[in-house]
C-alpha atoms as a PDB file:
ATOM      1  CA  MET A   1       2.734 -26.476 -28.180  1.00  0.00           C
ATOM      2  CA  SER A   2      -0.591 -28.078 -29.143  1.00  0.00           C
ATOM      3  CA  SER A   3      -3.533 -25.881 -30.099  1.00  0.00           C
ATOM      4  CA  SER A   4      -5.532 -27.010 -27.053  1.00  0.00           C
ATOM      5  CA  GLY A   5      -2.678 -26.237 -24.645  1.00  0.00           C
ATOM      6  CA  TYR A   6      -2.105 -22.867 -26.274  1.00  0.00           C
ATOM      7  CA  THR A   7      -5.803 -22.020 -26.095  1.00  0.00           C
ATOM      8  CA  CYS A   8      -5.980 -23.042 -22.430  1.00  0.00           C
ATOM      9  CA  ILE A   9      -2.994 -20.911 -21.389  1.00  0.00           C
ATOM     10  CA  ARG A  10      -4.227 -18.007 -23.466  1.00  0.00           C
ATOM     11  CA  THR A  11      -7.742 -18.172 -21.973  1.00  0.00           C
ATOM     12  CA  VAL A  12      -6.565 -18.460 -18.349  1.00  0.00           C
ATOM     13  CA  PHE A  13      -4.014 -15.693 -18.901  1.00  0.00           C
ATOM     14  CA  CYS A  14      -6.709 -13.380 -20.277  1.00  0.00           C
ATOM     15  CA  PHE A  15      -9.180 -14.249 -17.520  1.00  0.00           C
ATOM     16  CA  VAL A  16      -6.679 -13.623 -14.708  1.00  0.00           C
ATOM     17  CA  ASN A  17      -5.649 -10.287 -16.159  1.00  0.00           C
ATOM     18  CA  VAL A  18      -9.251  -9.191 -16.716  1.00  0.00           C
ATOM     19  CA  LEU A  19      -9.751  -9.734 -12.972  1.00  0.00           C
ATOM     20  CA  PHE A  20      -6.632  -7.682 -12.287  1.00  0.00           C
ATOM     21  CA  TRP A  21      -7.872  -4.949 -14.640  1.00  0.00           C
ATOM     22  CA  VAL A  22     -11.147  -4.743 -12.714  1.00  0.00           C
ATOM     23  CA  THR A  23      -9.201  -4.676  -9.435  1.00  0.00           C
ATOM     24  CA  GLY A  24      -7.020  -1.858 -10.769  1.00  0.00           C
ATOM     25  CA  CYS A  25     -10.098   0.174 -11.752  1.00  0.00           C
ATOM     26  CA  ILE A  26     -11.555  -0.330  -8.278  1.00  0.00           C
ATOM     27  CA  LEU A  27      -8.299   0.803  -6.636  1.00  0.00           C
ATOM     28  CA  VAL A  28      -8.152   3.933  -8.796  1.00  0.00           C
ATOM     29  CA  GLY A  29     -11.788   4.670  -7.969  1.00  0.00           C
ATOM     30  CA  ILE A  30     -11.112   4.287  -4.246  1.00  0.00           C
ATOM     31  CA  GLY A  31      -8.062   6.538  -4.508  1.00  0.00           C
ATOM     32  CA  ILE A  32      -9.984   9.257  -6.354  1.00  0.00           C
ATOM     33  CA  TRP A  33     -12.840   9.015  -3.854  1.00  0.00           C
ATOM     34  CA  LEU A  34     -10.420   9.408  -0.947  1.00  0.00           C
ATOM     35  CA  ARG A  35      -8.721  12.343  -2.674  1.00  0.00           C
ATOM     36  CA  VAL A  36     -11.992  14.158  -3.406  1.00  0.00           C
ATOM     37  CA  SER A  37     -13.751  13.321  -0.144  1.00  0.00           C
ATOM     38  CA  TYR A  38     -10.871  13.856   2.268  1.00  0.00           C
ATOM     39  CA  GLU A  39      -8.572  16.188   0.315  1.00  0.00           C
ATOM     40  CA  GLY A  40      -5.701  13.753   0.699  1.00  0.00           C
ATOM     41  CA  TYR A  41      -6.371  10.842   3.009  1.00  0.00           C
ATOM     42  CA  ALA A  42      -4.767  10.651   6.420  1.00  0.00           C
ATOM     43  CA  THR A  43      -1.090   9.859   6.585  1.00  0.00           C
ATOM     44  CA  LEU A  44       1.043   9.581   9.657  1.00  0.00           C
ATOM     45  CA  LEU A  45       3.942  11.011   7.639  1.00  0.00           C
ATOM     46  CA  PRO A  46       2.753  14.366   6.251  1.00  0.00           C
ATOM     47  CA  GLN A  47       6.329  15.019   5.080  1.00  0.00           C
ATOM     48  CA  TYR A  48       5.806  12.278   2.488  1.00  0.00           C
ATOM     49  CA  ALA A  49       2.481  13.065   0.843  1.00  0.00           C
ATOM     50  CA  LEU A  50       3.048  10.374  -1.809  1.00  0.00           C
ATOM     51  CA  LEU A  51       2.742   7.758   0.933  1.00  0.00           C
ATOM     52  CA  SER A  52      -0.857   8.747   1.636  1.00  0.00           C
ATOM     53  CA  ALA A  53      -3.499   6.074   1.141  1.00  0.00           C
ATOM     54  CA  ASP A  54      -5.153   7.829  -1.808  1.00  0.00           C
ATOM     55  CA  ALA A  55      -1.866   8.322  -3.687  1.00  0.00           C
ATOM     56  CA  VAL A  56      -0.796   4.705  -3.142  1.00  0.00           C
ATOM     57  CA  ALA A  57      -4.197   3.396  -4.275  1.00  0.00           C
ATOM     58  CA  ILE A  58      -4.120   5.492  -7.467  1.00  0.00           C
ATOM     59  CA  VAL A  59      -0.530   4.536  -8.356  1.00  0.00           C
ATOM     60  CA  VAL A  60      -0.975   0.810  -7.678  1.00  0.00           C
ATOM     61  CA  GLY A  61      -4.322   0.781  -9.482  1.00  0.00           C
ATOM     62  CA  THR A  62      -2.876   2.568 -12.526  1.00  0.00           C
ATOM     63  CA  LEU A  63       0.083   0.168 -12.747  1.00  0.00           C
ATOM     64  CA  THR A  64      -2.291  -2.795 -12.471  1.00  0.00           C
ATOM     65  CA  ILE A  65      -4.483  -1.428 -15.281  1.00  0.00           C
ATOM     66  CA  ILE A  66      -1.467  -0.861 -17.551  1.00  0.00           C
ATOM     67  CA  LEU A  67      -0.063  -4.348 -16.955  1.00  0.00           C
ATOM     68  CA  SER A  68      -3.453  -5.980 -17.459  1.00  0.00           C
ATOM     69  CA  PHE A  69      -3.994  -4.017 -20.672  1.00  0.00           C
ATOM     70  CA  PHE A  70      -0.745  -5.247 -22.212  1.00  0.00           C
ATOM     71  CA  ALA A  71      -1.422  -8.791 -21.016  1.00  0.00           C
ATOM     72  CA  CYS A  72      -4.999  -9.046 -22.313  1.00  0.00           C
ATOM     73  CA  CYS A  73      -4.398  -7.277 -25.616  1.00  0.00           C
ATOM     74  CA  GLY A  74      -1.127  -9.100 -26.174  1.00  0.00           C
ATOM     75  CA  SER A  75      -2.647 -12.543 -25.674  1.00  0.00           C
ATOM     76  CA  TRP A  76      -5.990 -11.887 -27.380  1.00  0.00           C
ATOM     77  CA  LEU A  77      -4.489 -10.094 -30.404  1.00  0.00           C
ATOM     78  CA  GLN A  78      -1.418 -12.348 -30.307  1.00  0.00           C
ATOM     79  CA  SER A  79       0.841  -9.291 -30.347  1.00  0.00           C
ATOM     80  CA  ARG A  80       4.472 -10.126 -29.654  1.00  0.00           C
ATOM     81  CA  CYS A  81       5.235  -6.470 -28.935  1.00  0.00           C
ATOM     82  CA  MET A  82       2.617  -6.243 -26.184  1.00  0.00           C
ATOM     83  CA  LEU A  83       3.563  -9.624 -24.726  1.00  0.00           C
ATOM     84  CA  ILE A  84       7.242  -8.770 -24.492  1.00  0.00           C
ATOM     85  CA  THR A  85       6.349  -5.346 -23.024  1.00  0.00           C
ATOM     86  CA  TYR A  86       4.242  -7.065 -20.364  1.00  0.00           C
ATOM     87  CA  PHE A  87       7.040  -9.567 -19.684  1.00  0.00           C
ATOM     88  CA  THR A  88       9.596  -6.770 -19.285  1.00  0.00           C
ATOM     89  CA  LEU A  89       7.378  -4.724 -16.953  1.00  0.00           C
ATOM     90  CA  VAL A  90       6.649  -7.726 -14.723  1.00  0.00           C
ATOM     91  CA  VAL A  91      10.373  -8.599 -14.561  1.00  0.00           C
ATOM     92  CA  LEU A  92      11.162  -5.016 -13.533  1.00  0.00           C
ATOM     93  CA  MET A  93       8.442  -5.136 -10.859  1.00  0.00           C
ATOM     94  CA  PHE A  94       9.701  -8.487  -9.598  1.00  0.00           C
ATOM     95  CA  VAL A  95      13.280  -7.180  -9.346  1.00  0.00           C
ATOM     96  CA  ALA A  96      12.107  -3.975  -7.629  1.00  0.00           C
ATOM     97  CA  GLU A  97      10.052  -5.943  -5.099  1.00  0.00           C
ATOM     98  CA  PHE A  98      13.003  -8.234  -4.361  1.00  0.00           C
ATOM     99  CA  LEU A  99      15.407  -5.299  -3.913  1.00  0.00           C
ATOM    100  CA  LEU A 100      13.004  -3.372  -1.685  1.00  0.00           C
ATOM    101  CA  GLY A 101      12.341  -6.456   0.420  1.00  0.00           C
ATOM    102  CA  SER A 102      16.058  -7.204   0.764  1.00  0.00           C
ATOM    103  CA  LEU A 103      16.938  -3.613   1.671  1.00  0.00           C
ATOM    104  CA  ALA A 104      14.098  -3.460   4.187  1.00  0.00           C
ATOM    105  CA  PHE A 105      15.399  -6.641   5.858  1.00  0.00           C
ATOM    106  CA  VAL A 106      19.053  -5.553   5.894  1.00  0.00           C
ATOM    107  CA  TYR A 107      18.314  -2.042   7.185  1.00  0.00           C
ATOM    108  CA  ARG A 108      15.319  -2.951   9.351  1.00  0.00           C
ATOM    109  CA  ASP A 109      16.835  -1.475  12.537  1.00  0.00           C
ATOM    110  CA  SER A 110      17.771   1.762  10.783  1.00  0.00           C
ATOM    111  CA  ILE A 111      14.341   1.967   9.168  1.00  0.00           C
ATOM    112  CA  LYS A 112      12.659   1.458  12.539  1.00  0.00           C
ATOM    113  CA  HIS A 113      14.699   4.292  14.080  1.00  0.00           C
ATOM    114  CA  THR A 114      14.106   6.621  11.111  1.00  0.00           C
ATOM    115  CA  LEU A 115      10.388   5.866  11.046  1.00  0.00           C
ATOM    116  CA  THR A 116      10.113   6.683  14.747  1.00  0.00           C
ATOM    117  CA  GLU A 117      11.853  10.012  14.187  1.00  0.00           C
ATOM    118  CA  LYS A 118       9.659  10.884  11.205  1.00  0.00           C
ATOM    119  CA  LEU A 119       6.486  10.024  13.092  1.00  0.00           C
ATOM    120  CA  GLN A 120       7.568  12.260  15.972  1.00  0.00           C
ATOM    121  CA  ASP A 121       8.471  15.041  13.533  1.00  0.00           C
ATOM    122  CA  GLY A 122       5.049  14.804  11.860  1.00  0.00           C
ATOM    123  CA  LEU A 123       3.354  14.858  15.239  1.00  0.00           C
ATOM    124  CA  MET A 124       5.410  17.835  16.362  1.00  0.00           C
ATOM    125  CA  HIS A 125       5.101  20.059  13.291  1.00  0.00           C
ATOM    126  CA  HIS A 126       2.020  18.944  11.315  1.00  0.00           C
ATOM    127  CA  TYR A 127      -0.602  18.141  13.952  1.00  0.00           C
ATOM    128  CA  ASN A 128      -3.095  21.010  13.805  1.00  0.00           C
ATOM    129  CA  MET A 129      -6.545  20.814  15.374  1.00  0.00           C
ATOM    130  CA  SER A 130      -7.561  24.254  14.067  1.00  0.00           C
ATOM    131  CA  SER A 131      -7.594  23.199  10.405  1.00  0.00           C
ATOM    132  CA  SER A 132     -10.628  21.361   9.097  1.00  0.00           C
ATOM    133  CA  PRO A 133     -10.704  18.706   7.847  1.00  0.00           C
ATOM    134  CA  ASN A 134      -7.501  17.399   9.413  1.00  0.00           C
ATOM    135  CA  ASN A 135      -7.136  13.709   8.769  1.00  0.00           C
ATOM    136  CA  LEU A 136      -3.900  13.493  10.729  1.00  0.00           C
ATOM    137  CA  VAL A 137      -5.827  14.413  13.872  1.00  0.00           C
ATOM    138  CA  GLU A 138      -8.492  11.804  13.115  1.00  0.00           C
ATOM    139  CA  THR A 139      -5.869   9.133  12.410  1.00  0.00           C
ATOM    140  CA  TRP A 140      -4.056   9.692  15.698  1.00  0.00           C
ATOM    141  CA  ASP A 141      -7.369   9.675  17.561  1.00  0.00           C
ATOM    142  CA  GLU A 142      -8.242   6.341  15.967  1.00  0.00           C
ATOM    143  CA  ILE A 143      -4.819   4.877  16.849  1.00  0.00           C
ATOM    144  CA  HIS A 144      -5.040   6.055  20.466  1.00  0.00           C
ATOM    145  CA  THR A 145      -8.510   4.575  20.871  1.00  0.00           C
ATOM    146  CA  THR A 146      -7.776   1.277  19.121  1.00  0.00           C
ATOM    147  CA  PHE A 147      -4.406   0.495  20.689  1.00  0.00           C
ATOM    148  CA  LYS A 148      -4.975   2.241  24.043  1.00  0.00           C
ATOM    149  CA  CYS A 149      -1.767   4.237  23.746  1.00  0.00           C
ATOM    150  CA  CYS A 150      -0.612   7.837  23.416  1.00  0.00           C
ATOM    151  CA  GLY A 151       2.049   9.387  21.192  1.00  0.00           C
ATOM    152  CA  VAL A 152       4.839   7.609  19.331  1.00  0.00           C
ATOM    153  CA  THR A 153       7.137   6.417  22.116  1.00  0.00           C
ATOM    154  CA  SER A 154       5.167   7.862  25.061  1.00  0.00           C
ATOM    155  CA  TYR A 155       2.496  10.419  25.920  1.00  0.00           C
ATOM    156  CA  MET A 156       5.251  13.018  26.450  1.00  0.00           C
ATOM    157  CA  ASN A 157       5.720  13.239  22.672  1.00  0.00           C
ATOM    158  CA  TRP A 158       2.659  15.504  22.701  1.00  0.00           C
ATOM    159  CA  HIS A 159       4.114  17.991  25.168  1.00  0.00           C
ATOM    160  CA  MET A 160       4.835  21.448  23.702  1.00  0.00           C
ATOM    161  CA  ILE A 161       4.242  20.541  20.066  1.00  0.00           C
ATOM    162  CA  ASP A 162       3.676  23.333  17.535  1.00  0.00           C
ATOM    163  CA  ALA A 163      -0.099  23.119  18.054  1.00  0.00           C
ATOM    164  CA  TRP A 164       0.379  24.072  21.753  1.00  0.00           C
ATOM    165  CA  PRO A 165       4.036  25.172  22.132  1.00  0.00           C
ATOM    166  CA  GLU A 166       3.796  26.282  25.745  1.00  0.00           C
ATOM    167  CA  ASN A 167       1.640  23.515  27.174  1.00  0.00           C
ATOM    168  CA  ARG A 168       2.103  19.914  28.242  1.00  0.00           C
ATOM    169  CA  TRP A 169      -1.181  18.755  26.768  1.00  0.00           C
ATOM    170  CA  VAL A 170      -2.198  15.561  25.029  1.00  0.00           C
ATOM    171  CA  PRO A 171      -5.111  14.919  22.628  1.00  0.00           C
ATOM    172  CA  ASP A 172      -8.414  14.063  24.278  1.00  0.00           C
ATOM    173  CA  SER A 173      -8.213  10.607  22.677  1.00  0.00           C
ATOM    174  CA  CYS A 174      -5.332   9.815  25.062  1.00  0.00           C
ATOM    175  CA  CYS A 175      -7.694  10.004  28.045  1.00  0.00           C
ATOM    176  CA  LEU A 176      -8.901   6.801  29.691  1.00  0.00           C
ATOM    177  CA  PRO A 177     -12.568   5.988  28.957  1.00  0.00           C
ATOM    178  CA  ALA A 178     -13.624   6.734  32.535  1.00  0.00           C
ATOM    179  CA  ASP A 179     -12.309  10.317  32.321  1.00  0.00           C
ATOM    180  CA  TYR A 180     -12.888  11.001  28.638  1.00  0.00           C
ATOM    181  CA  GLY A 181     -14.542  14.291  27.732  1.00  0.00           C
ATOM    182  CA  PRO A 182     -13.951  17.529  25.810  1.00  0.00           C
ATOM    183  CA  GLY A 183     -10.704  19.092  26.969  1.00  0.00           C
ATOM    184  CA  CYS A 184      -9.700  16.166  29.193  1.00  0.00           C
ATOM    185  CA  GLY A 185      -6.249  16.081  27.604  1.00  0.00           C
ATOM    186  CA  ARG A 186      -5.583  19.607  28.782  1.00  0.00           C
ATOM    187  CA  LYS A 187      -6.243  18.887  32.423  1.00  0.00           C
ATOM    188  CA  PRO A 188      -3.360  18.104  34.799  1.00  0.00           C
ATOM    189  CA  ASN A 189      -4.384  14.526  35.530  1.00  0.00           C
ATOM    190  CA  GLU A 190      -2.820  11.112  35.145  1.00  0.00           C
ATOM    191  CA  SER A 191      -5.885   9.387  33.685  1.00  0.00           C
ATOM    192  CA  ILE A 192      -4.325   8.951  30.258  1.00  0.00           C
ATOM    193  CA  TYR A 193      -2.715   6.182  28.264  1.00  0.00           C
ATOM    194  CA  GLU A 194       0.993   6.417  29.007  1.00  0.00           C
ATOM    195  CA  PRO A 195       2.590   3.801  26.691  1.00  0.00           C
ATOM    196  CA  GLY A 196       3.566   4.919  23.193  1.00  0.00           C
ATOM    197  CA  CYS A 197       1.850   3.570  20.097  1.00  0.00           C
ATOM    198  CA  TYR A 198       4.803   2.594  17.930  1.00  0.00           C
ATOM    199  CA  GLU A 199       5.642  -0.662  19.689  1.00  0.00           C
ATOM    200  CA  LYS A 200       1.975  -1.664  19.889  1.00  0.00           C
ATOM    201  CA  ILE A 201       1.471  -1.039  16.170  1.00  0.00           C
ATOM    202  CA  TYR A 202       4.704  -2.903  15.434  1.00  0.00           C
ATOM    203  CA  SER A 203       3.544  -5.875  17.517  1.00  0.00           C
ATOM    204  CA  TRP A 204       0.150  -5.801  15.793  1.00  0.00           C
ATOM    205  CA  PHE A 205       1.884  -5.926  12.425  1.00  0.00           C
ATOM    206  CA  LYS A 206       4.204  -8.776  13.484  1.00  0.00           C
ATOM    207  CA  ASP A 207       1.204 -10.818  14.618  1.00  0.00           C
ATOM    208  CA  ARG A 208      -0.141 -10.561  11.077  1.00  0.00           C
ATOM    209  CA  LEU A 209       3.087 -11.330   9.217  1.00  0.00           C
ATOM    210  CA  LEU A 210       1.686 -14.721   8.207  1.00  0.00           C
ATOM    211  CA  VAL A 211      -1.159 -13.066   6.322  1.00  0.00           C
ATOM    212  CA  VAL A 212       1.255 -10.560   4.773  1.00  0.00           C
ATOM    213  CA  GLY A 213       3.577 -13.398   3.774  1.00  0.00           C
ATOM    214  CA  LEU A 214       0.749 -15.379   2.184  1.00  0.00           C
ATOM    215  CA  LEU A 215      -0.364 -12.317   0.244  1.00  0.00           C
ATOM    216  CA  GLY A 216       3.200 -11.752  -0.894  1.00  0.00           C
ATOM    217  CA  LEU A 217       3.537 -15.365  -2.024  1.00  0.00           C
ATOM    218  CA  SER A 218       0.217 -15.126  -3.878  1.00  0.00           C
ATOM    219  CA  VAL A 219       1.363 -12.019  -5.739  1.00  0.00           C
ATOM    220  CA  ALA A 220       4.704 -13.657  -6.537  1.00  0.00           C
ATOM    221  CA  PHE A 221       2.915 -16.771  -7.839  1.00  0.00           C
ATOM    222  CA  VAL A 222       0.676 -14.690 -10.110  1.00  0.00           C
ATOM    223  CA  GLN A 223       3.695 -12.754 -11.373  1.00  0.00           C
ATOM    224  CA  LEU A 224       5.584 -15.997 -12.036  1.00  0.00           C
ATOM    225  CA  PHE A 225       2.583 -17.412 -13.890  1.00  0.00           C
ATOM    226  CA  GLY A 226       2.401 -14.199 -15.914  1.00  0.00           C
ATOM    227  CA  LEU A 227       6.074 -14.422 -16.825  1.00  0.00           C
ATOM    228  CA  ILE A 228       5.862 -18.060 -17.938  1.00  0.00           C
ATOM    229  CA  ALA A 229       2.531 -17.671 -19.749  1.00  0.00           C
ATOM    230  CA  SER A 230       3.544 -14.495 -21.593  1.00  0.00           C
ATOM    231  CA  MET A 231       6.811 -16.050 -22.755  1.00  0.00           C
ATOM    232  CA  LEU A 232       5.045 -19.242 -23.914  1.00  0.00           C
ATOM    233  CA  LEU A 233       2.506 -17.182 -25.839  1.00  0.00           C
ATOM    234  CA  PHE A 234       5.265 -15.008 -27.288  1.00  0.00           C
ATOM    235  CA  CYS A 235       7.276 -18.011 -28.484  1.00  0.00           C
ATOM    236  CA  THR A 236       4.183 -19.732 -29.904  1.00  0.00           C
ATOM    237  CA  VAL A 237       3.113 -16.637 -31.840  1.00  0.00           C
ATOM    238  CA  LYS A 238       6.654 -16.265 -33.138  1.00  0.00           C
ATOM    239  CA  TYR A 239       6.683 -19.900 -34.291  1.00  0.00           C
ATOM    240  CA  LYS A 240       3.263 -19.622 -35.961  1.00  0.00           C
ATOM    241  CA  ARG A 241       4.357 -16.549 -37.872  1.00  0.00           C
ATOM    242  CA  ARG A 242       7.448 -18.301 -39.142  1.00  0.00           C
ATOM    243  CA  SER A 243       5.463 -21.354 -40.172  1.00  0.00           C
ATOM    244  CA  ARG A 244       2.904 -19.105 -41.956  1.00  0.00           C
ATOM    245  CA  THR A 245       0.009 -20.520 -39.926  1.00  0.00           C
ATOM    246  CA  TYR A 246      -0.547 -17.466 -37.764  1.00  0.00           C
ATOM    247  CA  LYS A 247      -4.196 -17.587 -36.758  1.00  0.00           C
ATOM    248  CA  SER A 248      -5.999 -17.387 -33.445  1.00  0.00           C
ATOM    249  CA  TYR A 249      -6.893 -20.767 -31.996  1.00  0.00           C
ATOM    250  CA  GLN A 250     -10.570 -21.125 -31.253  1.00  0.00           C
END
């Protein structure tokens, strides 16, 4: 590879990974802020605390920082060890993403059924208006208001939950705007949203699959570029060392 081509790949590779390093730091900062401010950000699945927004942000941000560190240091210092470590980590991530995507597609019906059950279980056993702050309560209120729905599959999911085991109540956020008010969900009236929220959220997500797909392709493209660039840099450094001309190109 010519010195100009090597320098170009090396510079672009460093620049891209510096951007990813900054992004990783921002994600970790957001995750810590959510953890400190909200004591564990709202999750619709309290049984799986690691799926909360703050935990996901911290984990993804940390992985991004680690990958970017190996990439930048490996290319700038021309370290074969760091470059091959980066290459290996990206390959493992690529394989994991492919396997998770394939399994999610193959078992999509089973996942949908299981997710519905887990959402209902979280609603039944973890919804507690007496604890403060309770982000699960706030999250369900936001979902009810945004999607004009109530419960997971229907408003009856709220009947006799652990928070009110002997009553057929619903949260106040299930009430229609015309009848909304403190305690409206505890009144025996029919002025509430009756459809469940799961199908509406699922439809909302399907309508945005194009954006999700484009984001996925963008990530895959960056990963592919990282794989090719890191291997080219690795091979070039190896060649320069053998030829006893191992110096950084300026």
